[in-house]
Amino acid sequence: MGDVGSTTIGFIIGVLILYDSTTFHKLGIWLLLTLPFWFDATFTLLRRFFRGEKFMQAHRKHLFQRAVRSGLSHMQVTLLLLSINIFILGLVLIFHNILWIAVLLSSILMGVIVYIIEKRVSFDT
């Protein structure tokens, strides 16, 4: 999709989230539903920043890129991301009134995914 397409879609989704988020609880739900996307971007940028890398320079260090380099096909990575989103949606639906449980379980899931990808392809490569 590239930077232009992903930035445009991200902006549109962000505007829709702000438009719909009349309460902090609703904002939390939206943040959980978009967790894989902003987690990957934030995790990668922070990691590059603390390593002293030029974080505006082109790179291939995002989790989904490293997953492909680890041997997964683009289809497998897409299905994995879809599965993660469906799982998080399920958590939000189940724990709608006690959102902190969904946040905790989603955070554990993202940590496990980072650990697995880190074992397969180093951040340095």
N, C-alpha and C. Protein backbone atom coordinates (compact mmCIF):
# COMPACT_ATOMS: atom_id res chain seq x y z
N MET A 1 0.83 -1.18 0.00
CA MET A 1 0.00 0.00 0.00
C MET A 1 0.88 1.25 0.00
N GLY A 2 2.01 1.20 0.61
CA GLY A 2 2.91 2.35 0.63
C GLY A 2 2.54 3.36 1.69
N ASP A 3 3.41 4.36 1.84
CA ASP A 3 3.21 5.38 2.86
C ASP A 3 1.98 6.24 2.60
N VAL A 4 1.76 6.61 1.35
CA VAL A 4 0.63 7.49 1.04
C VAL A 4 -0.70 6.80 1.32
N GLY A 5 -0.84 5.55 0.88
CA GLY A 5 -2.09 4.82 1.11
C GLY A 5 -2.32 4.53 2.57
N SER A 6 -1.27 4.08 3.27
CA SER A 6 -1.45 3.74 4.69
C SER A 6 -1.68 4.99 5.53
N THR A 7 -1.05 6.11 5.17
CA THR A 7 -1.26 7.35 5.91
C THR A 7 -2.69 7.84 5.72
N THR A 8 -3.18 7.76 4.50
CA THR A 8 -4.56 8.19 4.22
C THR A 8 -5.57 7.33 4.98
N ILE A 9 -5.41 6.03 4.91
CA ILE A 9 -6.32 5.14 5.62
C ILE A 9 -6.22 5.34 7.13
N GLY A 10 -4.99 5.49 7.63
CA GLY A 10 -4.80 5.75 9.06
C GLY A 10 -5.47 7.04 9.50
N PHE A 11 -5.36 8.09 8.68
CA PHE A 11 -6.00 9.36 9.01
C PHE A 11 -7.52 9.21 9.05
N ILE A 12 -8.07 8.54 8.05
CA ILE A 12 -9.53 8.34 7.99
C ILE A 12 -10.02 7.55 9.20
N ILE A 13 -9.31 6.47 9.52
CA ILE A 13 -9.70 5.66 10.68
C ILE A 13 -9.57 6.49 11.96
N GLY A 14 -8.50 7.27 12.08
CA GLY A 14 -8.32 8.13 13.25
C GLY A 14 -9.44 9.13 13.43
N VAL A 15 -9.85 9.75 12.33
CA VAL A 15 -10.95 10.71 12.39
C VAL A 15 -12.24 10.01 12.81
N LEU A 16 -12.51 8.83 12.23
CA LEU A 16 -13.71 8.09 12.60
C LEU A 16 -13.68 7.67 14.07
N ILE A 17 -12.52 7.29 14.56
CA ILE A 17 -12.39 6.92 15.98
C ILE A 17 -12.71 8.12 16.86
N LEU A 18 -12.13 9.27 16.55
CA LEU A 18 -12.39 10.46 17.36
C LEU A 18 -13.84 10.89 17.27
N TYR A 19 -14.44 10.75 16.10
CA TYR A 19 -15.85 11.10 15.92
C TYR A 19 -16.76 10.20 16.77
N ASP A 20 -16.42 8.92 16.84
CA ASP A 20 -17.27 7.96 17.57
C ASP A 20 -16.96 7.90 19.06
N SER A 21 -15.78 8.34 19.47
CA SER A 21 -15.34 8.17 20.86
C SER A 21 -15.87 9.29 21.74
N THR A 22 -17.12 9.14 22.12
CA THR A 22 -17.74 10.15 22.98
C THR A 22 -17.38 9.92 24.45
N THR A 23 -16.85 8.74 24.78
CA THR A 23 -16.42 8.46 26.14
C THR A 23 -15.04 7.82 26.10
N PHE A 24 -14.36 7.86 27.23
CA PHE A 24 -13.04 7.24 27.32
C PHE A 24 -13.14 5.73 27.09
N HIS A 25 -14.22 5.13 27.52
CA HIS A 25 -14.43 3.69 27.34
C HIS A 25 -14.48 3.33 25.85
N LYS A 26 -15.22 4.13 25.08
CA LYS A 26 -15.29 3.88 23.63
C LYS A 26 -13.95 4.07 22.96
N LEU A 27 -13.19 5.07 23.41
CA LEU A 27 -11.86 5.29 22.87
C LEU A 27 -10.97 4.08 23.15
N GLY A 28 -11.08 3.52 24.35
CA GLY A 28 -10.32 2.33 24.71
C GLY A 28 -10.66 1.14 23.82
N ILE A 29 -11.92 0.99 23.50
CA ILE A 29 -12.34 -0.10 22.60
C ILE A 29 -11.71 0.09 21.22
N TRP A 30 -11.78 1.30 20.70
CA TRP A 30 -11.18 1.55 19.38
C TRP A 30 -9.67 1.34 19.41
N LEU A 31 -9.02 1.77 20.46
CA LEU A 31 -7.57 1.56 20.55
C LEU A 31 -7.23 0.08 20.59
N LEU A 32 -8.04 -0.70 21.27
CA LEU A 32 -7.81 -2.15 21.29
C LEU A 32 -8.03 -2.76 19.91
N LEU A 33 -9.05 -2.33 19.20
CA LEU A 33 -9.36 -2.90 17.89
C LEU A 33 -8.29 -2.55 16.85
N THR A 34 -7.58 -1.47 17.05
CA THR A 34 -6.50 -1.09 16.13
C THR A 34 -5.12 -1.40 16.71
N LEU A 35 -5.08 -2.15 17.81
CA LEU A 35 -3.83 -2.43 18.52
C LEU A 35 -2.70 -2.97 17.64
N PRO A 36 -2.92 -3.97 16.81
CA PRO A 36 -1.78 -4.50 16.04
C PRO A 36 -1.08 -3.45 15.18
N PHE A 37 -1.83 -2.50 14.66
CA PHE A 37 -1.25 -1.50 13.77
C PHE A 37 -0.43 -0.46 14.51
N TRP A 38 -1.03 0.15 15.55
CA TRP A 38 -0.26 1.18 16.24
C TRP A 38 0.81 0.56 17.13
N PHE A 39 0.60 -0.66 17.63
CA PHE A 39 1.64 -1.33 18.42
C PHE A 39 2.88 -1.55 17.57
N ASP A 40 2.69 -2.08 16.35
CA ASP A 40 3.83 -2.34 15.47
C ASP A 40 4.58 -1.06 15.14
N ALA A 41 3.86 -0.02 14.77
CA ALA A 41 4.50 1.25 14.41
C ALA A 41 5.25 1.85 15.60
N THR A 42 4.61 1.89 16.76
CA THR A 42 5.23 2.47 17.95
C THR A 42 6.42 1.64 18.42
N PHE A 43 6.25 0.34 18.48
CA PHE A 43 7.32 -0.57 18.91
C PHE A 43 8.55 -0.42 18.02
N THR A 44 8.33 -0.40 16.71
CA THR A 44 9.44 -0.31 15.77
C THR A 44 10.13 1.06 15.85
N LEU A 45 9.35 2.13 15.88
CA LEU A 45 9.95 3.47 15.95
C LEU A 45 10.72 3.69 17.24
N LEU A 46 10.17 3.27 18.37
CA LEU A 46 10.87 3.43 19.64
C LEU A 46 12.16 2.61 19.67
N ARG A 47 12.08 1.41 19.17
CA ARG A 47 13.26 0.55 19.15
C ARG A 47 14.36 1.16 18.28
N ARG A 48 13.99 1.68 17.13
CA ARG A 48 14.97 2.31 16.25
C ARG A 48 15.52 3.58 16.89
N PHE A 49 14.68 4.34 17.56
CA PHE A 49 15.12 5.58 18.21
C PHE A 49 16.15 5.28 19.30
N PHE A 50 15.87 4.30 20.15
CA PHE A 50 16.78 3.98 21.25
C PHE A 50 18.07 3.32 20.77
N ARG A 51 18.08 2.79 19.57
CA ARG A 51 19.29 2.22 18.98
C ARG A 51 20.09 3.27 18.22
N GLY A 52 19.58 4.48 18.18
CA GLY A 52 20.27 5.56 17.50
C GLY A 52 20.14 5.53 15.98
N GLU A 53 19.18 4.78 15.48
CA GLU A 53 18.97 4.70 14.03
C GLU A 53 18.17 5.92 13.57
N LYS A 54 18.34 6.27 12.31
CA LYS A 54 17.54 7.35 11.73
C LYS A 54 16.14 6.80 11.49
N PHE A 55 15.20 7.20 12.33
CA PHE A 55 13.89 6.57 12.26
C PHE A 55 13.03 7.08 11.10
N MET A 56 13.51 8.07 10.36
CA MET A 56 12.79 8.52 9.17
C MET A 56 13.33 7.84 7.90
N GLN A 57 14.41 7.09 8.04
CA GLN A 57 15.01 6.40 6.90
C GLN A 57 14.25 5.11 6.62
N ALA A 58 14.17 4.76 5.34
CA ALA A 58 13.47 3.53 4.95
C ALA A 58 14.12 2.32 5.63
N HIS A 59 13.29 1.35 5.98
CA HIS A 59 13.77 0.16 6.67
C HIS A 59 12.80 -0.98 6.45
N ARG A 60 13.19 -2.16 6.92
CA ARG A 60 12.32 -3.35 6.84
C ARG A 60 12.30 -4.04 8.21
N LYS A 61 11.97 -3.28 9.24
CA LYS A 61 12.05 -3.81 10.60
C LYS A 61 10.70 -3.94 11.29
N HIS A 62 9.62 -3.65 10.59
CA HIS A 62 8.31 -3.83 11.21
C HIS A 62 8.05 -5.32 11.42
N LEU A 63 7.20 -5.63 12.36
CA LEU A 63 6.94 -7.03 12.70
C LEU A 63 6.43 -7.82 11.51
N PHE A 64 5.53 -7.24 10.72
CA PHE A 64 4.98 -7.99 9.59
C PHE A 64 6.06 -8.24 8.52
N GLN A 65 6.98 -7.29 8.34
CA GLN A 65 8.07 -7.48 7.38
C GLN A 65 9.03 -8.58 7.85
N ARG A 66 9.31 -8.57 9.13
CA ARG A 66 10.19 -9.59 9.69
C ARG A 66 9.53 -10.96 9.67
N ALA A 67 8.21 -10.99 9.83
CA ALA A 67 7.49 -12.27 9.75
C ALA A 67 7.61 -12.86 8.34
N VAL A 68 7.52 -12.01 7.32
CA VAL A 68 7.68 -12.49 5.95
C VAL A 68 9.11 -12.97 5.73
N ARG A 69 10.09 -12.23 6.23
CA ARG A 69 11.48 -12.65 6.07
C ARG A 69 11.77 -13.94 6.83
N SER A 70 10.96 -14.25 7.82
CA SER A 70 11.18 -15.48 8.60
C SER A 70 10.71 -16.72 7.86
N GLY A 71 10.05 -16.52 6.72
CA GLY A 71 9.61 -17.66 5.94
C GLY A 71 8.11 -17.76 5.75
N LEU A 72 7.35 -16.92 6.43
CA LEU A 72 5.90 -16.93 6.23
C LEU A 72 5.56 -16.22 4.92
N SER A 73 4.54 -16.67 4.25
CA SER A 73 4.11 -16.00 3.02
C SER A 73 3.30 -14.75 3.39
N HIS A 74 3.10 -13.89 2.41
CA HIS A 74 2.28 -12.70 2.66
C HIS A 74 0.87 -13.10 3.07
N MET A 75 0.36 -14.16 2.46
CA MET A 75 -0.98 -14.65 2.81
C MET A 75 -1.02 -15.12 4.26
N GLN A 76 0.00 -15.85 4.69
CA GLN A 76 0.04 -16.34 6.07
C GLN A 76 0.12 -15.19 7.06
N VAL A 77 0.92 -14.17 6.74
CA VAL A 77 1.03 -13.01 7.63
C VAL A 77 -0.31 -12.27 7.69
N THR A 78 -0.96 -12.13 6.54
CA THR A 78 -2.27 -11.47 6.50
C THR A 78 -3.30 -12.25 7.32
N LEU A 79 -3.31 -13.57 7.18
CA LEU A 79 -4.24 -14.39 7.96
C LEU A 79 -3.92 -14.36 9.44
N LEU A 80 -2.63 -14.29 9.79
CA LEU A 80 -2.23 -14.16 11.19
C LEU A 80 -2.75 -12.84 11.76
N LEU A 81 -2.57 -11.76 11.01
CA LEU A 81 -3.06 -10.46 11.47
C LEU A 81 -4.58 -10.45 11.59
N LEU A 82 -5.25 -11.07 10.64
CA LEU A 82 -6.70 -11.19 10.72
C LEU A 82 -7.12 -11.98 11.96
N SER A 83 -6.42 -13.06 12.24
CA SER A 83 -6.72 -13.87 13.43
C SER A 83 -6.51 -13.08 14.71
N ILE A 84 -5.44 -12.30 14.75
CA ILE A 84 -5.18 -11.45 15.93
C ILE A 84 -6.31 -10.46 16.12
N ASN A 85 -6.74 -9.82 15.03
CA ASN A 85 -7.83 -8.84 15.12
C ASN A 85 -9.14 -9.49 15.55
N ILE A 86 -9.42 -10.67 15.04
CA ILE A 86 -10.65 -11.38 15.45
C ILE A 86 -10.57 -11.75 16.93
N PHE A 87 -9.40 -12.20 17.38
CA PHE A 87 -9.21 -12.55 18.79
C PHE A 87 -9.44 -11.32 19.67
N ILE A 88 -8.85 -10.19 19.29
CA ILE A 88 -9.03 -8.96 20.08
C ILE A 88 -10.48 -8.51 20.05
N LEU A 89 -11.13 -8.62 18.90
CA LEU A 89 -12.56 -8.29 18.83
C LEU A 89 -13.36 -9.17 19.78
N GLY A 90 -13.03 -10.46 19.82
CA GLY A 90 -13.70 -11.36 20.76
C GLY A 90 -13.49 -10.93 22.21
N LEU A 91 -12.25 -10.54 22.53
CA LEU A 91 -11.97 -10.06 23.89
C LEU A 91 -12.80 -8.82 24.22
N VAL A 92 -12.88 -7.91 23.27
CA VAL A 92 -13.66 -6.68 23.49
C VAL A 92 -15.13 -7.01 23.70
N LEU A 93 -15.65 -7.94 22.91
CA LEU A 93 -17.06 -8.31 23.06
C LEU A 93 -17.31 -9.03 24.38
N ILE A 94 -16.40 -9.90 24.78
CA ILE A 94 -16.58 -10.65 26.03
C ILE A 94 -16.39 -9.77 27.25
N PHE A 95 -15.34 -8.95 27.22
CA PHE A 95 -14.99 -8.12 28.39
C PHE A 95 -15.34 -6.65 28.16
N HIS A 96 -16.46 -6.41 27.54
CA HIS A 96 -16.87 -5.05 27.20
C HIS A 96 -16.97 -4.15 28.43
N ASN A 97 -17.47 -4.68 29.52
CA ASN A 97 -17.65 -3.87 30.73
C ASN A 97 -16.43 -3.83 31.63
N ILE A 98 -15.52 -4.77 31.48
CA ILE A 98 -14.27 -4.78 32.25
C ILE A 98 -13.11 -4.80 31.26
N LEU A 99 -12.92 -3.68 30.61
CA LEU A 99 -12.01 -3.56 29.48
C LEU A 99 -10.56 -3.83 29.85
N TRP A 100 -10.18 -3.63 31.09
CA TRP A 100 -8.78 -3.83 31.47
C TRP A 100 -8.35 -5.28 31.27
N ILE A 101 -9.27 -6.22 31.36
CA ILE A 101 -8.92 -7.63 31.12
C ILE A 101 -8.59 -7.82 29.63
N ALA A 102 -9.37 -7.20 28.76
CA ALA A 102 -9.10 -7.28 27.33
C ALA A 102 -7.76 -6.62 27.01
N VAL A 103 -7.46 -5.51 27.66
CA VAL A 103 -6.17 -4.83 27.46
C VAL A 103 -5.03 -5.74 27.90
N LEU A 104 -5.17 -6.35 29.06
CA LEU A 104 -4.13 -7.24 29.58
C LEU A 104 -3.90 -8.43 28.66
N LEU A 105 -4.95 -9.10 28.26
CA LEU A 105 -4.82 -10.28 27.40
C LEU A 105 -4.28 -9.91 26.02
N SER A 106 -4.70 -8.78 25.48
CA SER A 106 -4.20 -8.32 24.18
C SER A 106 -2.72 -7.97 24.27
N SER A 107 -2.32 -7.36 25.38
CA SER A 107 -0.91 -7.02 25.57
C SER A 107 -0.04 -8.27 25.67
N ILE A 108 -0.54 -9.27 26.38
CA ILE A 108 0.19 -10.53 26.47
C ILE A 108 0.32 -11.16 25.09
N LEU A 109 -0.76 -11.14 24.32
CA LEU A 109 -0.72 -11.68 22.96
C LEU A 109 0.32 -10.98 22.11
N MET A 110 0.35 -9.66 22.14
CA MET A 110 1.33 -8.91 21.34
C MET A 110 2.75 -9.21 21.81
N GLY A 111 2.95 -9.36 23.11
CA GLY A 111 4.26 -9.72 23.62
C GLY A 111 4.72 -11.09 23.12
N VAL A 112 3.81 -12.04 23.09
CA VAL A 112 4.13 -13.38 22.59
C VAL A 112 4.49 -13.32 21.11
N ILE A 113 3.75 -12.54 20.35
CA ILE A 113 4.04 -12.41 18.92
C ILE A 113 5.42 -11.79 18.70
N VAL A 114 5.73 -10.75 19.45
CA VAL A 114 7.07 -10.13 19.34
C VAL A 114 8.14 -11.16 19.68
N TYR A 115 7.93 -11.92 20.73
CA TYR A 115 8.90 -12.93 21.16
C TYR A 115 9.12 -13.97 20.06
N ILE A 116 8.04 -14.45 19.45
CA ILE A 116 8.14 -15.48 18.41
C ILE A 116 8.87 -14.93 17.18
N ILE A 117 8.50 -13.74 16.75
CA ILE A 117 9.15 -13.15 15.58
C ILE A 117 10.62 -12.86 15.88
N GLU A 118 10.89 -12.40 17.09
CA GLU A 118 12.27 -12.10 17.50
C GLU A 118 13.13 -13.35 17.46
N LYS A 119 12.55 -14.49 17.80
CA LYS A 119 13.29 -15.76 17.76
C LYS A 119 13.59 -16.18 16.32
N ARG A 120 12.68 -15.83 15.40
CA ARG A 120 12.83 -16.26 14.00
C ARG A 120 13.74 -15.32 13.20
N VAL A 121 13.59 -13.99 13.40
CA VAL A 121 14.37 -13.01 12.66
C VAL A 121 14.76 -11.89 13.61
N SER A 122 16.04 -11.68 13.76
CA SER A 122 16.54 -10.62 14.64
C SER A 122 16.15 -9.25 14.11
N PHE A 123 16.02 -8.31 15.03
CA PHE A 123 15.70 -6.94 14.67
C PHE A 123 16.84 -6.30 13.87
N ASP A 124 18.07 -6.80 14.09
CA ASP A 124 19.25 -6.25 13.45
C ASP A 124 19.38 -6.62 11.98
N THR A 125 18.70 -7.67 11.55
CA THR A 125 18.87 -8.11 10.15
C THR A 125 17.89 -7.44 9.23
